[in-house]
C-alpha atoms as a PDB file:
ATOM      1  CA  MET A   1       6.835 -77.710  -1.710  1.00  0.00           C
ATOM      2  CA  PRO A   2       4.636 -80.825  -1.507  1.00  0.00           C
ATOM      3  CA  THR A   3       6.069 -83.881   0.175  1.00  0.00           C
ATOM      4  CA  THR A   4       6.449 -87.118  -1.743  1.00  0.00           C
ATOM      5  CA  ASN A   5       6.140 -90.510  -0.071  1.00  0.00           C
ATOM      6  CA  PRO A   6       9.262 -92.672  -0.173  1.00  0.00           C
ATOM      7  CA  PRO A   7       8.941 -95.902  -2.177  1.00  0.00           C
ATOM      8  CA  VAL A   8       7.524 -98.860  -0.293  1.00  0.00           C
ATOM      9  CA  THR A   9       7.845-102.562  -1.001  1.00  0.00           C
ATOM     10  CA  GLN A  10       4.822-104.738  -1.636  1.00  0.00           C
ATOM     11  CA  SER A  11       5.245-106.293   1.811  1.00  0.00           C
ATOM     12  CA  GLN A  12       5.283-102.850   3.432  1.00  0.00           C
ATOM     13  CA  ARG A  13       2.202-101.891   1.432  1.00  0.00           C
ATOM     14  CA  ASP A  14       0.465-105.033   2.725  1.00  0.00           C
ATOM     15  CA  VAL A  15       1.336-103.940   6.271  1.00  0.00           C
ATOM     16  CA  LEU A  16      -0.073-100.462   5.668  1.00  0.00           C
ATOM     17  CA  TYR A  17      -3.290-101.891   4.233  1.00  0.00           C
ATOM     18  CA  ALA A  18      -3.662-104.241   7.198  1.00  0.00           C
ATOM     19  CA  LEU A  19      -3.150-101.362   9.633  1.00  0.00           C
ATOM     20  CA  LYS A  20      -5.672 -99.260   7.727  1.00  0.00           C
ATOM     21  CA  ARG A  21      -8.275-102.013   7.967  1.00  0.00           C
ATOM     22  CA  ARG A  22      -7.657-102.758  11.640  1.00  0.00           C
ATOM     23  CA  GLY A  23      -6.979 -99.272  12.976  1.00  0.00           C
ATOM     24  CA  GLU A  24      -4.496 -99.315  15.843  1.00  0.00           C
ATOM     25  CA  THR A  25      -3.081-102.773  16.408  1.00  0.00           C
ATOM     26  CA  THR A  26      -0.208-104.586  18.064  1.00  0.00           C
ATOM     27  CA  VAL A  27       2.650-106.211  16.184  1.00  0.00           C
ATOM     28  CA  GLU A  28       1.372-109.638  17.251  1.00  0.00           C
ATOM     29  CA  GLU A  29      -2.130-108.938  15.904  1.00  0.00           C
ATOM     30  CA  LEU A  30      -0.671-107.540  12.714  1.00  0.00           C
ATOM     31  CA  ALA A  31       1.533-110.599  12.201  1.00  0.00           C
ATOM     32  CA  ALA A  32      -1.434-112.924  12.733  1.00  0.00           C
ATOM     33  CA  SER A  33      -3.597-111.031  10.241  1.00  0.00           C
ATOM     34  CA  LEU A  34      -0.874-111.246   7.576  1.00  0.00           C
ATOM     35  CA  THR A  35       0.235-114.774   8.507  1.00  0.00           C
ATOM     36  CA  ILE A  36       3.843-113.672   8.907  1.00  0.00           C
ATOM     37  CA  THR A  37       6.226-113.904  11.851  1.00  0.00           C
ATOM     38  CA  VAL A  38       6.186-111.311  14.601  1.00  0.00           C
ATOM     39  CA  SER A  39       9.808-110.455  13.903  1.00  0.00           C
ATOM     40  CA  GLY A  40       9.000-109.955  10.233  1.00  0.00           C
ATOM     41  CA  ALA A  41       6.057-107.686  11.060  1.00  0.00           C
ATOM     42  CA  ARG A  42       8.222-105.724  13.483  1.00  0.00           C
ATOM     43  CA  GLN A  43      10.902-105.258  10.827  1.00  0.00           C
ATOM     44  CA  HIS A  44       8.364-103.822   8.377  1.00  0.00           C
ATOM     45  CA  LEU A  45       6.921-101.547  11.056  1.00  0.00           C
ATOM     46  CA  LEU A  46      10.327-100.168  11.988  1.00  0.00           C
ATOM     47  CA  ALA A  47      11.050 -99.391   8.342  1.00  0.00           C
ATOM     48  CA  LEU A  48       7.706 -97.631   7.957  1.00  0.00           C
ATOM     49  CA  ILE A  49       8.183 -95.690  11.192  1.00  0.00           C
ATOM     50  CA  SER A  50      11.587 -94.491   9.962  1.00  0.00           C
ATOM     51  CA  THR A  51       9.892 -92.939   6.908  1.00  0.00           C
ATOM     52  CA  ASP A  52       7.034 -91.421   8.970  1.00  0.00           C
ATOM     53  CA  LEU A  53       4.397 -93.637   7.359  1.00  0.00           C
ATOM     54  CA  VAL A  54       3.496 -95.419  10.609  1.00  0.00           C
ATOM     55  CA  SER A  55       3.229 -94.083  14.160  1.00  0.00           C
ATOM     56  CA  SER A  56       3.397 -95.983  17.436  1.00  0.00           C
ATOM     57  CA  ARG A  57       2.181 -95.245  20.903  1.00  0.00           C
ATOM     58  CA  GLU A  58       2.359 -96.965  24.247  1.00  0.00           C
ATOM     59  CA  GLU A  59      -0.845 -98.101  25.931  1.00  0.00           C
ATOM     60  CA  ARG A  60      -0.596 -98.526  29.665  1.00  0.00           C
ATOM     61  CA  ARG A  61      -2.121-101.586  31.269  1.00  0.00           C
ATOM     62  CA  ILE A  62      -5.021-101.192  33.674  1.00  0.00           C
ATOM     63  CA  THR A  63      -3.746-100.238  37.120  1.00  0.00           C
ATOM     64  CA  GLY A  64      -2.822-103.333  39.100  1.00  0.00           C
ATOM     65  CA  SER A  65      -2.474-105.623  36.090  1.00  0.00           C
ATOM     66  CA  ARG A  66       0.802-107.283  35.239  1.00  0.00           C
ATOM     67  CA  GLY A  67       2.809-107.170  32.069  1.00  0.00           C
ATOM     68  CA  ARG A  68       4.515-104.565  29.955  1.00  0.00           C
ATOM     69  CA  PRO A  69       2.624-101.757  28.224  1.00  0.00           C
ATOM     70  CA  ARG A  70       1.311-102.584  24.768  1.00  0.00           C
ATOM     71  CA  HIS A  71       2.656-100.799  21.701  1.00  0.00           C
ATOM     72  CA  LEU A  72      -0.001 -99.878  19.156  1.00  0.00           C
ATOM     73  CA  TYR A  73       0.712 -99.021  15.532  1.00  0.00           C
ATOM     74  CA  ALA A  74      -1.300 -97.063  12.968  1.00  0.00           C
ATOM     75  CA  PRO A  75      -0.740 -95.342   9.593  1.00  0.00           C
ATOM     76  CA  THR A  76       0.126 -91.646   9.757  1.00  0.00           C
ATOM     77  CA  ALA A  77      -1.501 -88.876   7.744  1.00  0.00           C
ATOM     78  CA  ALA A  78       1.565 -88.965   5.470  1.00  0.00           C
ATOM     79  CA  ALA A  79       0.572 -92.478   4.351  1.00  0.00           C
ATOM     80  CA  GLU A  80      -2.896 -91.455   3.183  1.00  0.00           C
ATOM     81  CA  ASN A  81      -2.008 -90.966  -0.476  1.00  0.00           C
ATOM     82  CA  LEU A  82      -0.648 -94.537  -0.610  1.00  0.00           C
ATOM     83  CA  PHE A  83      -4.184 -95.859  -0.220  1.00  0.00           C
ATOM     84  CA  PRO A  84      -6.564 -96.153  -3.186  1.00  0.00           C
ATOM     85  CA  LYS A  85      -8.464 -92.968  -4.001  1.00  0.00           C
ATOM     86  CA  ALA A  86     -11.268 -92.320  -6.463  1.00  0.00           C
ATOM     87  CA  TYR A  87     -11.242 -88.530  -6.553  1.00  0.00           C
ATOM     88  CA  GLY A  88     -11.131 -88.357 -10.331  1.00  0.00           C
ATOM     89  CA  GLU A  89     -14.039 -90.733 -10.786  1.00  0.00           C
ATOM     90  CA  LEU A  90     -16.090 -88.940  -8.136  1.00  0.00           C
ATOM     91  CA  THR A  91     -15.338 -85.534  -9.642  1.00  0.00           C
ATOM     92  CA  ASN A  92     -16.341 -86.719 -13.104  1.00  0.00           C
ATOM     93  CA  GLU A  93     -19.549 -88.206 -11.739  1.00  0.00           C
ATOM     94  CA  LEU A  94     -20.496 -84.970  -9.970  1.00  0.00           C
ATOM     95  CA  LEU A  95     -19.576 -82.876 -13.013  1.00  0.00           C
ATOM     96  CA  SER A  96     -21.722 -85.111 -15.220  1.00  0.00           C
ATOM     97  CA  TYR A  97     -24.757 -84.323 -13.075  1.00  0.00           C
ATOM     98  CA  LEU A  98     -24.079 -80.602 -13.419  1.00  0.00           C
ATOM     99  CA  ASP A  99     -23.480 -80.970 -17.148  1.00  0.00           C
ATOM    100  CA  ALA A 100     -26.789 -82.790 -17.596  1.00  0.00           C
ATOM    101  CA  ASP A 101     -28.619 -79.982 -15.790  1.00  0.00           C
ATOM    102  CA  ASP A 102     -26.807 -77.138 -17.579  1.00  0.00           C
ATOM    103  CA  PRO A 103     -24.389 -77.869 -20.474  1.00  0.00           C
ATOM    104  CA  THR A 104     -22.660 -74.510 -19.948  1.00  0.00           C
ATOM    105  CA  VAL A 105     -21.844 -75.039 -16.282  1.00  0.00           C
ATOM    106  CA  ILE A 106     -18.583 -76.962 -16.826  1.00  0.00           C
ATOM    107  CA  ASP A 107     -17.053 -74.084 -18.758  1.00  0.00           C
ATOM    108  CA  LYS A 108     -18.211 -71.683 -16.029  1.00  0.00           C
ATOM    109  CA  ILE A 109     -16.654 -73.784 -13.271  1.00  0.00           C
ATOM    110  CA  PHE A 110     -13.281 -73.994 -15.004  1.00  0.00           C
ATOM    111  CA  ALA A 111     -13.401 -70.286 -15.839  1.00  0.00           C
ATOM    112  CA  MET A 112     -13.890 -69.544 -12.138  1.00  0.00           C
ATOM    113  CA  ARG A 113     -10.998 -71.854 -11.231  1.00  0.00           C
ATOM    114  CA  ARG A 114      -8.805 -70.225 -13.888  1.00  0.00           C
ATOM    115  CA  ASP A 115      -9.584 -66.704 -12.683  1.00  0.00           C
ATOM    116  CA  SER A 116      -8.884 -67.635  -9.053  1.00  0.00           C
ATOM    117  CA  ARG A 117      -5.527 -69.172  -9.987  1.00  0.00           C
ATOM    118  CA  ILE A 118      -4.628 -66.159 -12.120  1.00  0.00           C
ATOM    119  CA  ALA A 119      -5.315 -63.763  -9.236  1.00  0.00           C
ATOM    120  CA  ASN A 120      -3.189 -65.865  -6.885  1.00  0.00           C
ATOM    121  CA  ALA A 121      -0.345 -66.136  -9.394  1.00  0.00           C
ATOM    122  CA  GLN A 122      -0.351 -62.405 -10.091  1.00  0.00           C
ATOM    123  CA  ARG A 123       0.004 -61.693  -6.369  1.00  0.00           C
ATOM    124  CA  ARG A 124       2.949 -64.048  -6.093  1.00  0.00           C
ATOM    125  CA  LEU A 125       4.662 -62.907  -9.269  1.00  0.00           C
ATOM    126  CA  ALA A 126       4.425 -59.230  -8.303  1.00  0.00           C
ATOM    127  CA  GLY A 127       7.900 -57.918  -7.615  1.00  0.00           C
ATOM    128  CA  LYS A 128       9.649 -60.665  -9.569  1.00  0.00           C
ATOM    129  CA  ASN A 129      11.634 -58.396 -11.853  1.00  0.00           C
ATOM    130  CA  THR A 130      12.969 -60.920 -14.347  1.00  0.00           C
ATOM    131  CA  LEU A 131      11.263 -63.502 -16.504  1.00  0.00           C
ATOM    132  CA  ALA A 132      13.440 -66.240 -14.975  1.00  0.00           C
ATOM    133  CA  LYS A 133      12.231 -65.363 -11.477  1.00  0.00           C
ATOM    134  CA  GLN A 134       8.613 -65.263 -12.683  1.00  0.00           C
ATOM    135  CA  VAL A 135       8.939 -68.654 -14.386  1.00  0.00           C
ATOM    136  CA  ALA A 136      10.526 -70.112 -11.252  1.00  0.00           C
ATOM    137  CA  GLU A 137       7.748 -68.792  -9.009  1.00  0.00           C
ATOM    138  CA  LEU A 138       5.018 -69.948 -11.389  1.00  0.00           C
ATOM    139  CA  THR A 139       6.626 -73.386 -11.420  1.00  0.00           C
ATOM    140  CA  ARG A 140       6.494 -73.438  -7.609  1.00  0.00           C
ATOM    141  CA  ILE A 141       2.789 -72.630  -7.778  1.00  0.00           C
ATOM    142  CA  LEU A 142       2.171 -75.495 -10.210  1.00  0.00           C
ATOM    143  CA  ASP A 143       4.239 -77.835  -8.040  1.00  0.00           C
ATOM    144  CA  GLU A 144       2.179 -76.897  -4.979  1.00  0.00           C
ATOM    145  CA  ASP A 145      -0.954 -77.676  -7.015  1.00  0.00           C
ATOM    146  CA  GLY A 146       0.280 -81.244  -7.543  1.00  0.00           C
ATOM    147  CA  TYR A 147       1.736 -81.038 -11.047  1.00  0.00           C
ATOM    148  CA  LEU A 148       5.301 -82.061 -10.051  1.00  0.00           C
ATOM    149  CA  ALA A 149       6.506 -79.139 -12.124  1.00  0.00           C
ATOM    150  CA  SER A 150      10.013 -78.105 -13.107  1.00  0.00           C
ATOM    151  CA  TRP A 151      11.454 -75.465 -15.403  1.00  0.00           C
ATOM    152  CA  GLU A 152      14.498 -75.080 -17.612  1.00  0.00           C
ATOM    153  CA  LYS A 153      16.099 -72.595 -19.920  1.00  0.00           C
ATOM    154  CA  ALA A 154      15.643 -73.066 -23.665  1.00  0.00           C
ATOM    155  CA  PRO A 155      17.613 -71.601 -26.589  1.00  0.00           C
ATOM    156  CA  GLY A 156      16.953 -68.033 -27.680  1.00  0.00           C
ATOM    157  CA  GLY A 157      16.146 -66.636 -24.243  1.00  0.00           C
ATOM    158  CA  ARG A 158      13.102 -68.875 -23.912  1.00  0.00           C
ATOM    159  CA  PHE A 159      12.014 -71.020 -20.974  1.00  0.00           C
ATOM    160  CA  ARG A 160      10.149 -74.286 -20.658  1.00  0.00           C
ATOM    161  CA  ILE A 161       7.815 -75.331 -17.835  1.00  0.00           C
ATOM    162  CA  ILE A 162       7.273 -79.082 -17.545  1.00  0.00           C
ATOM    163  CA  GLU A 163       4.392 -80.701 -15.666  1.00  0.00           C
ATOM    164  CA  HIS A 164       5.506 -84.256 -14.912  1.00  0.00           C
ATOM    165  CA  ASN A 165       2.113 -85.103 -13.399  1.00  0.00           C
ATOM    166  CA  CYS A 166      -1.408 -84.008 -14.274  1.00  0.00           C
ATOM    167  CA  ALA A 167      -3.199 -83.324 -11.008  1.00  0.00           C
ATOM    168  CA  ILE A 168      -6.577 -83.473 -12.766  1.00  0.00           C
ATOM    169  CA  PHE A 169      -5.854 -86.115 -15.421  1.00  0.00           C
ATOM    170  CA  ALA A 170      -9.121 -88.039 -14.966  1.00  0.00           C
ATOM    171  CA  VAL A 171     -11.167 -84.864 -15.364  1.00  0.00           C
ATOM    172  CA  ALA A 172      -9.043 -83.528 -18.232  1.00  0.00           C
ATOM    173  CA  SER A 173      -9.465 -86.838 -20.082  1.00  0.00           C
ATOM    174  CA  ARG A 174     -13.215 -86.259 -20.144  1.00  0.00           C
ATOM    175  CA  TYR A 175     -13.522 -82.474 -20.245  1.00  0.00           C
ATOM    176  CA  GLY A 176     -11.220 -80.707 -22.702  1.00  0.00           C
ATOM    177  CA  THR A 177     -11.979 -77.368 -21.105  1.00  0.00           C
ATOM    178  CA  ALA A 178      -9.699 -78.404 -18.229  1.00  0.00           C
ATOM    179  CA  CYS A 179      -6.678 -78.337 -20.552  1.00  0.00           C
ATOM    180  CA  SER A 180      -7.678 -75.145 -22.331  1.00  0.00           C
ATOM    181  CA  SER A 181      -8.172 -73.542 -18.919  1.00  0.00           C
ATOM    182  CA  GLU A 182      -4.633 -74.563 -17.889  1.00  0.00           C
ATOM    183  CA  LEU A 183      -3.142 -72.972 -20.997  1.00  0.00           C
ATOM    184  CA  ALA A 184      -5.215 -69.810 -20.479  1.00  0.00           C
ATOM    185  CA  PHE A 185      -4.001 -69.623 -16.873  1.00  0.00           C
ATOM    186  CA  LEU A 186      -0.342 -69.776 -17.894  1.00  0.00           C
ATOM    187  CA  ARG A 187      -0.815 -67.199 -20.632  1.00  0.00           C
ATOM    188  CA  ALA A 188      -2.556 -64.791 -18.263  1.00  0.00           C
ATOM    189  CA  ALA A 189       0.012 -65.293 -15.499  1.00  0.00           C
ATOM    190  CA  LEU A 190       2.818 -64.480 -17.965  1.00  0.00           C
ATOM    191  CA  ALA A 191       0.845 -61.969 -20.008  1.00  0.00           C
ATOM    192  CA  HIS A 192       3.961 -60.269 -21.414  1.00  0.00           C
ATOM    193  CA  THR A 193       5.137 -63.506 -23.071  1.00  0.00           C
ATOM    194  CA  GLU A 194       4.000 -66.018 -25.650  1.00  0.00           C
ATOM    195  CA  VAL A 195       3.116 -69.402 -24.121  1.00  0.00           C
ATOM    196  CA  GLU A 196       2.661 -72.485 -26.278  1.00  0.00           C
ATOM    197  CA  ARG A 197       2.000 -76.086 -25.243  1.00  0.00           C
ATOM    198  CA  VAL A 198       4.678 -78.246 -26.867  1.00  0.00           C
ATOM    199  CA  ALA A 199       3.891 -81.601 -25.204  1.00  0.00           C
ATOM    200  CA  HIS A 200       0.562 -82.934 -23.996  1.00  0.00           C
ATOM    201  CA  MET A 201      -0.118 -85.989 -21.856  1.00  0.00           C
ATOM    202  CA  LEU A 202      -3.554 -86.449 -23.407  1.00  0.00           C
ATOM    203  CA  ASN A 203      -1.809 -86.874 -26.765  1.00  0.00           C
ATOM    204  CA  GLY A 204       0.423 -89.609 -25.417  1.00  0.00           C
ATOM    205  CA  ALA A 205       3.371 -87.580 -24.116  1.00  0.00           C
ATOM    206  CA  ARG A 206       4.921 -88.505 -20.781  1.00  0.00           C
ATOM    207  CA  HIS A 207       4.421 -84.958 -19.510  1.00  0.00           C
ATOM    208  CA  CYS A 208       2.892 -81.612 -20.446  1.00  0.00           C
ATOM    209  CA  ALA A 209       5.357 -78.902 -21.438  1.00  0.00           C
ATOM    210  CA  TYR A 210       4.922 -75.216 -22.158  1.00  0.00           C
ATOM    211  CA  GLU A 211       7.425 -73.079 -24.057  1.00  0.00           C
ATOM    212  CA  ILE A 212       7.634 -69.456 -22.957  1.00  0.00           C
ATOM    213  CA  THR A 213       8.989 -66.844 -25.348  1.00  0.00           C
ATOM    214  CA  PRO A 214       9.622 -63.240 -24.244  1.00  0.00           C
ATOM    215  CA  ALA A 215       7.466 -60.714 -26.055  1.00  0.00           C
ATOM    216  CA  LYS A 216       9.287 -58.841 -28.806  1.00  0.00           C
END
């Protein structure tokens, strides 16, 4: 299951950004860069350390010098997704170059992605002897892919998979084949069922949802 960062305050976010810009730094240097008190900076750092968003290490003084060791602070790998990213914009830019060179290439790329995901899902669903178990495992796969997915039972022996986040929203907003590929993936993974999209983020819904009906 993917990990989710705990919520941070704006002041803690400012601390993280300052650490990111400076690299490793002391609490005194951090406080000076943010024009806050040392005690205030230390309080924010302790809170961020407790949630594994900041690490600290001790730096020994040069042999023979006086004074206590310095403590240096830096963001951890877990804090990376709290910093601005432009993956969607970059992906769209790169895809646009491919599209300009060959208008059919986008469909080919998403077909390859779909087929790879289908093969992986079929391996993981093998041995799941009930539809509920298959839906649960497929939901785990979607969650691991960044869709923040959940599932629930629906009336009439049906199930519903809900994607609370679109991991490729920027790309899907520009290339409709991304969404059709997602639906094709789900239908192939649960080939013995009928899968219909009943909510769509690109149409203004707060999530994407898929209703799964056992084959008659």
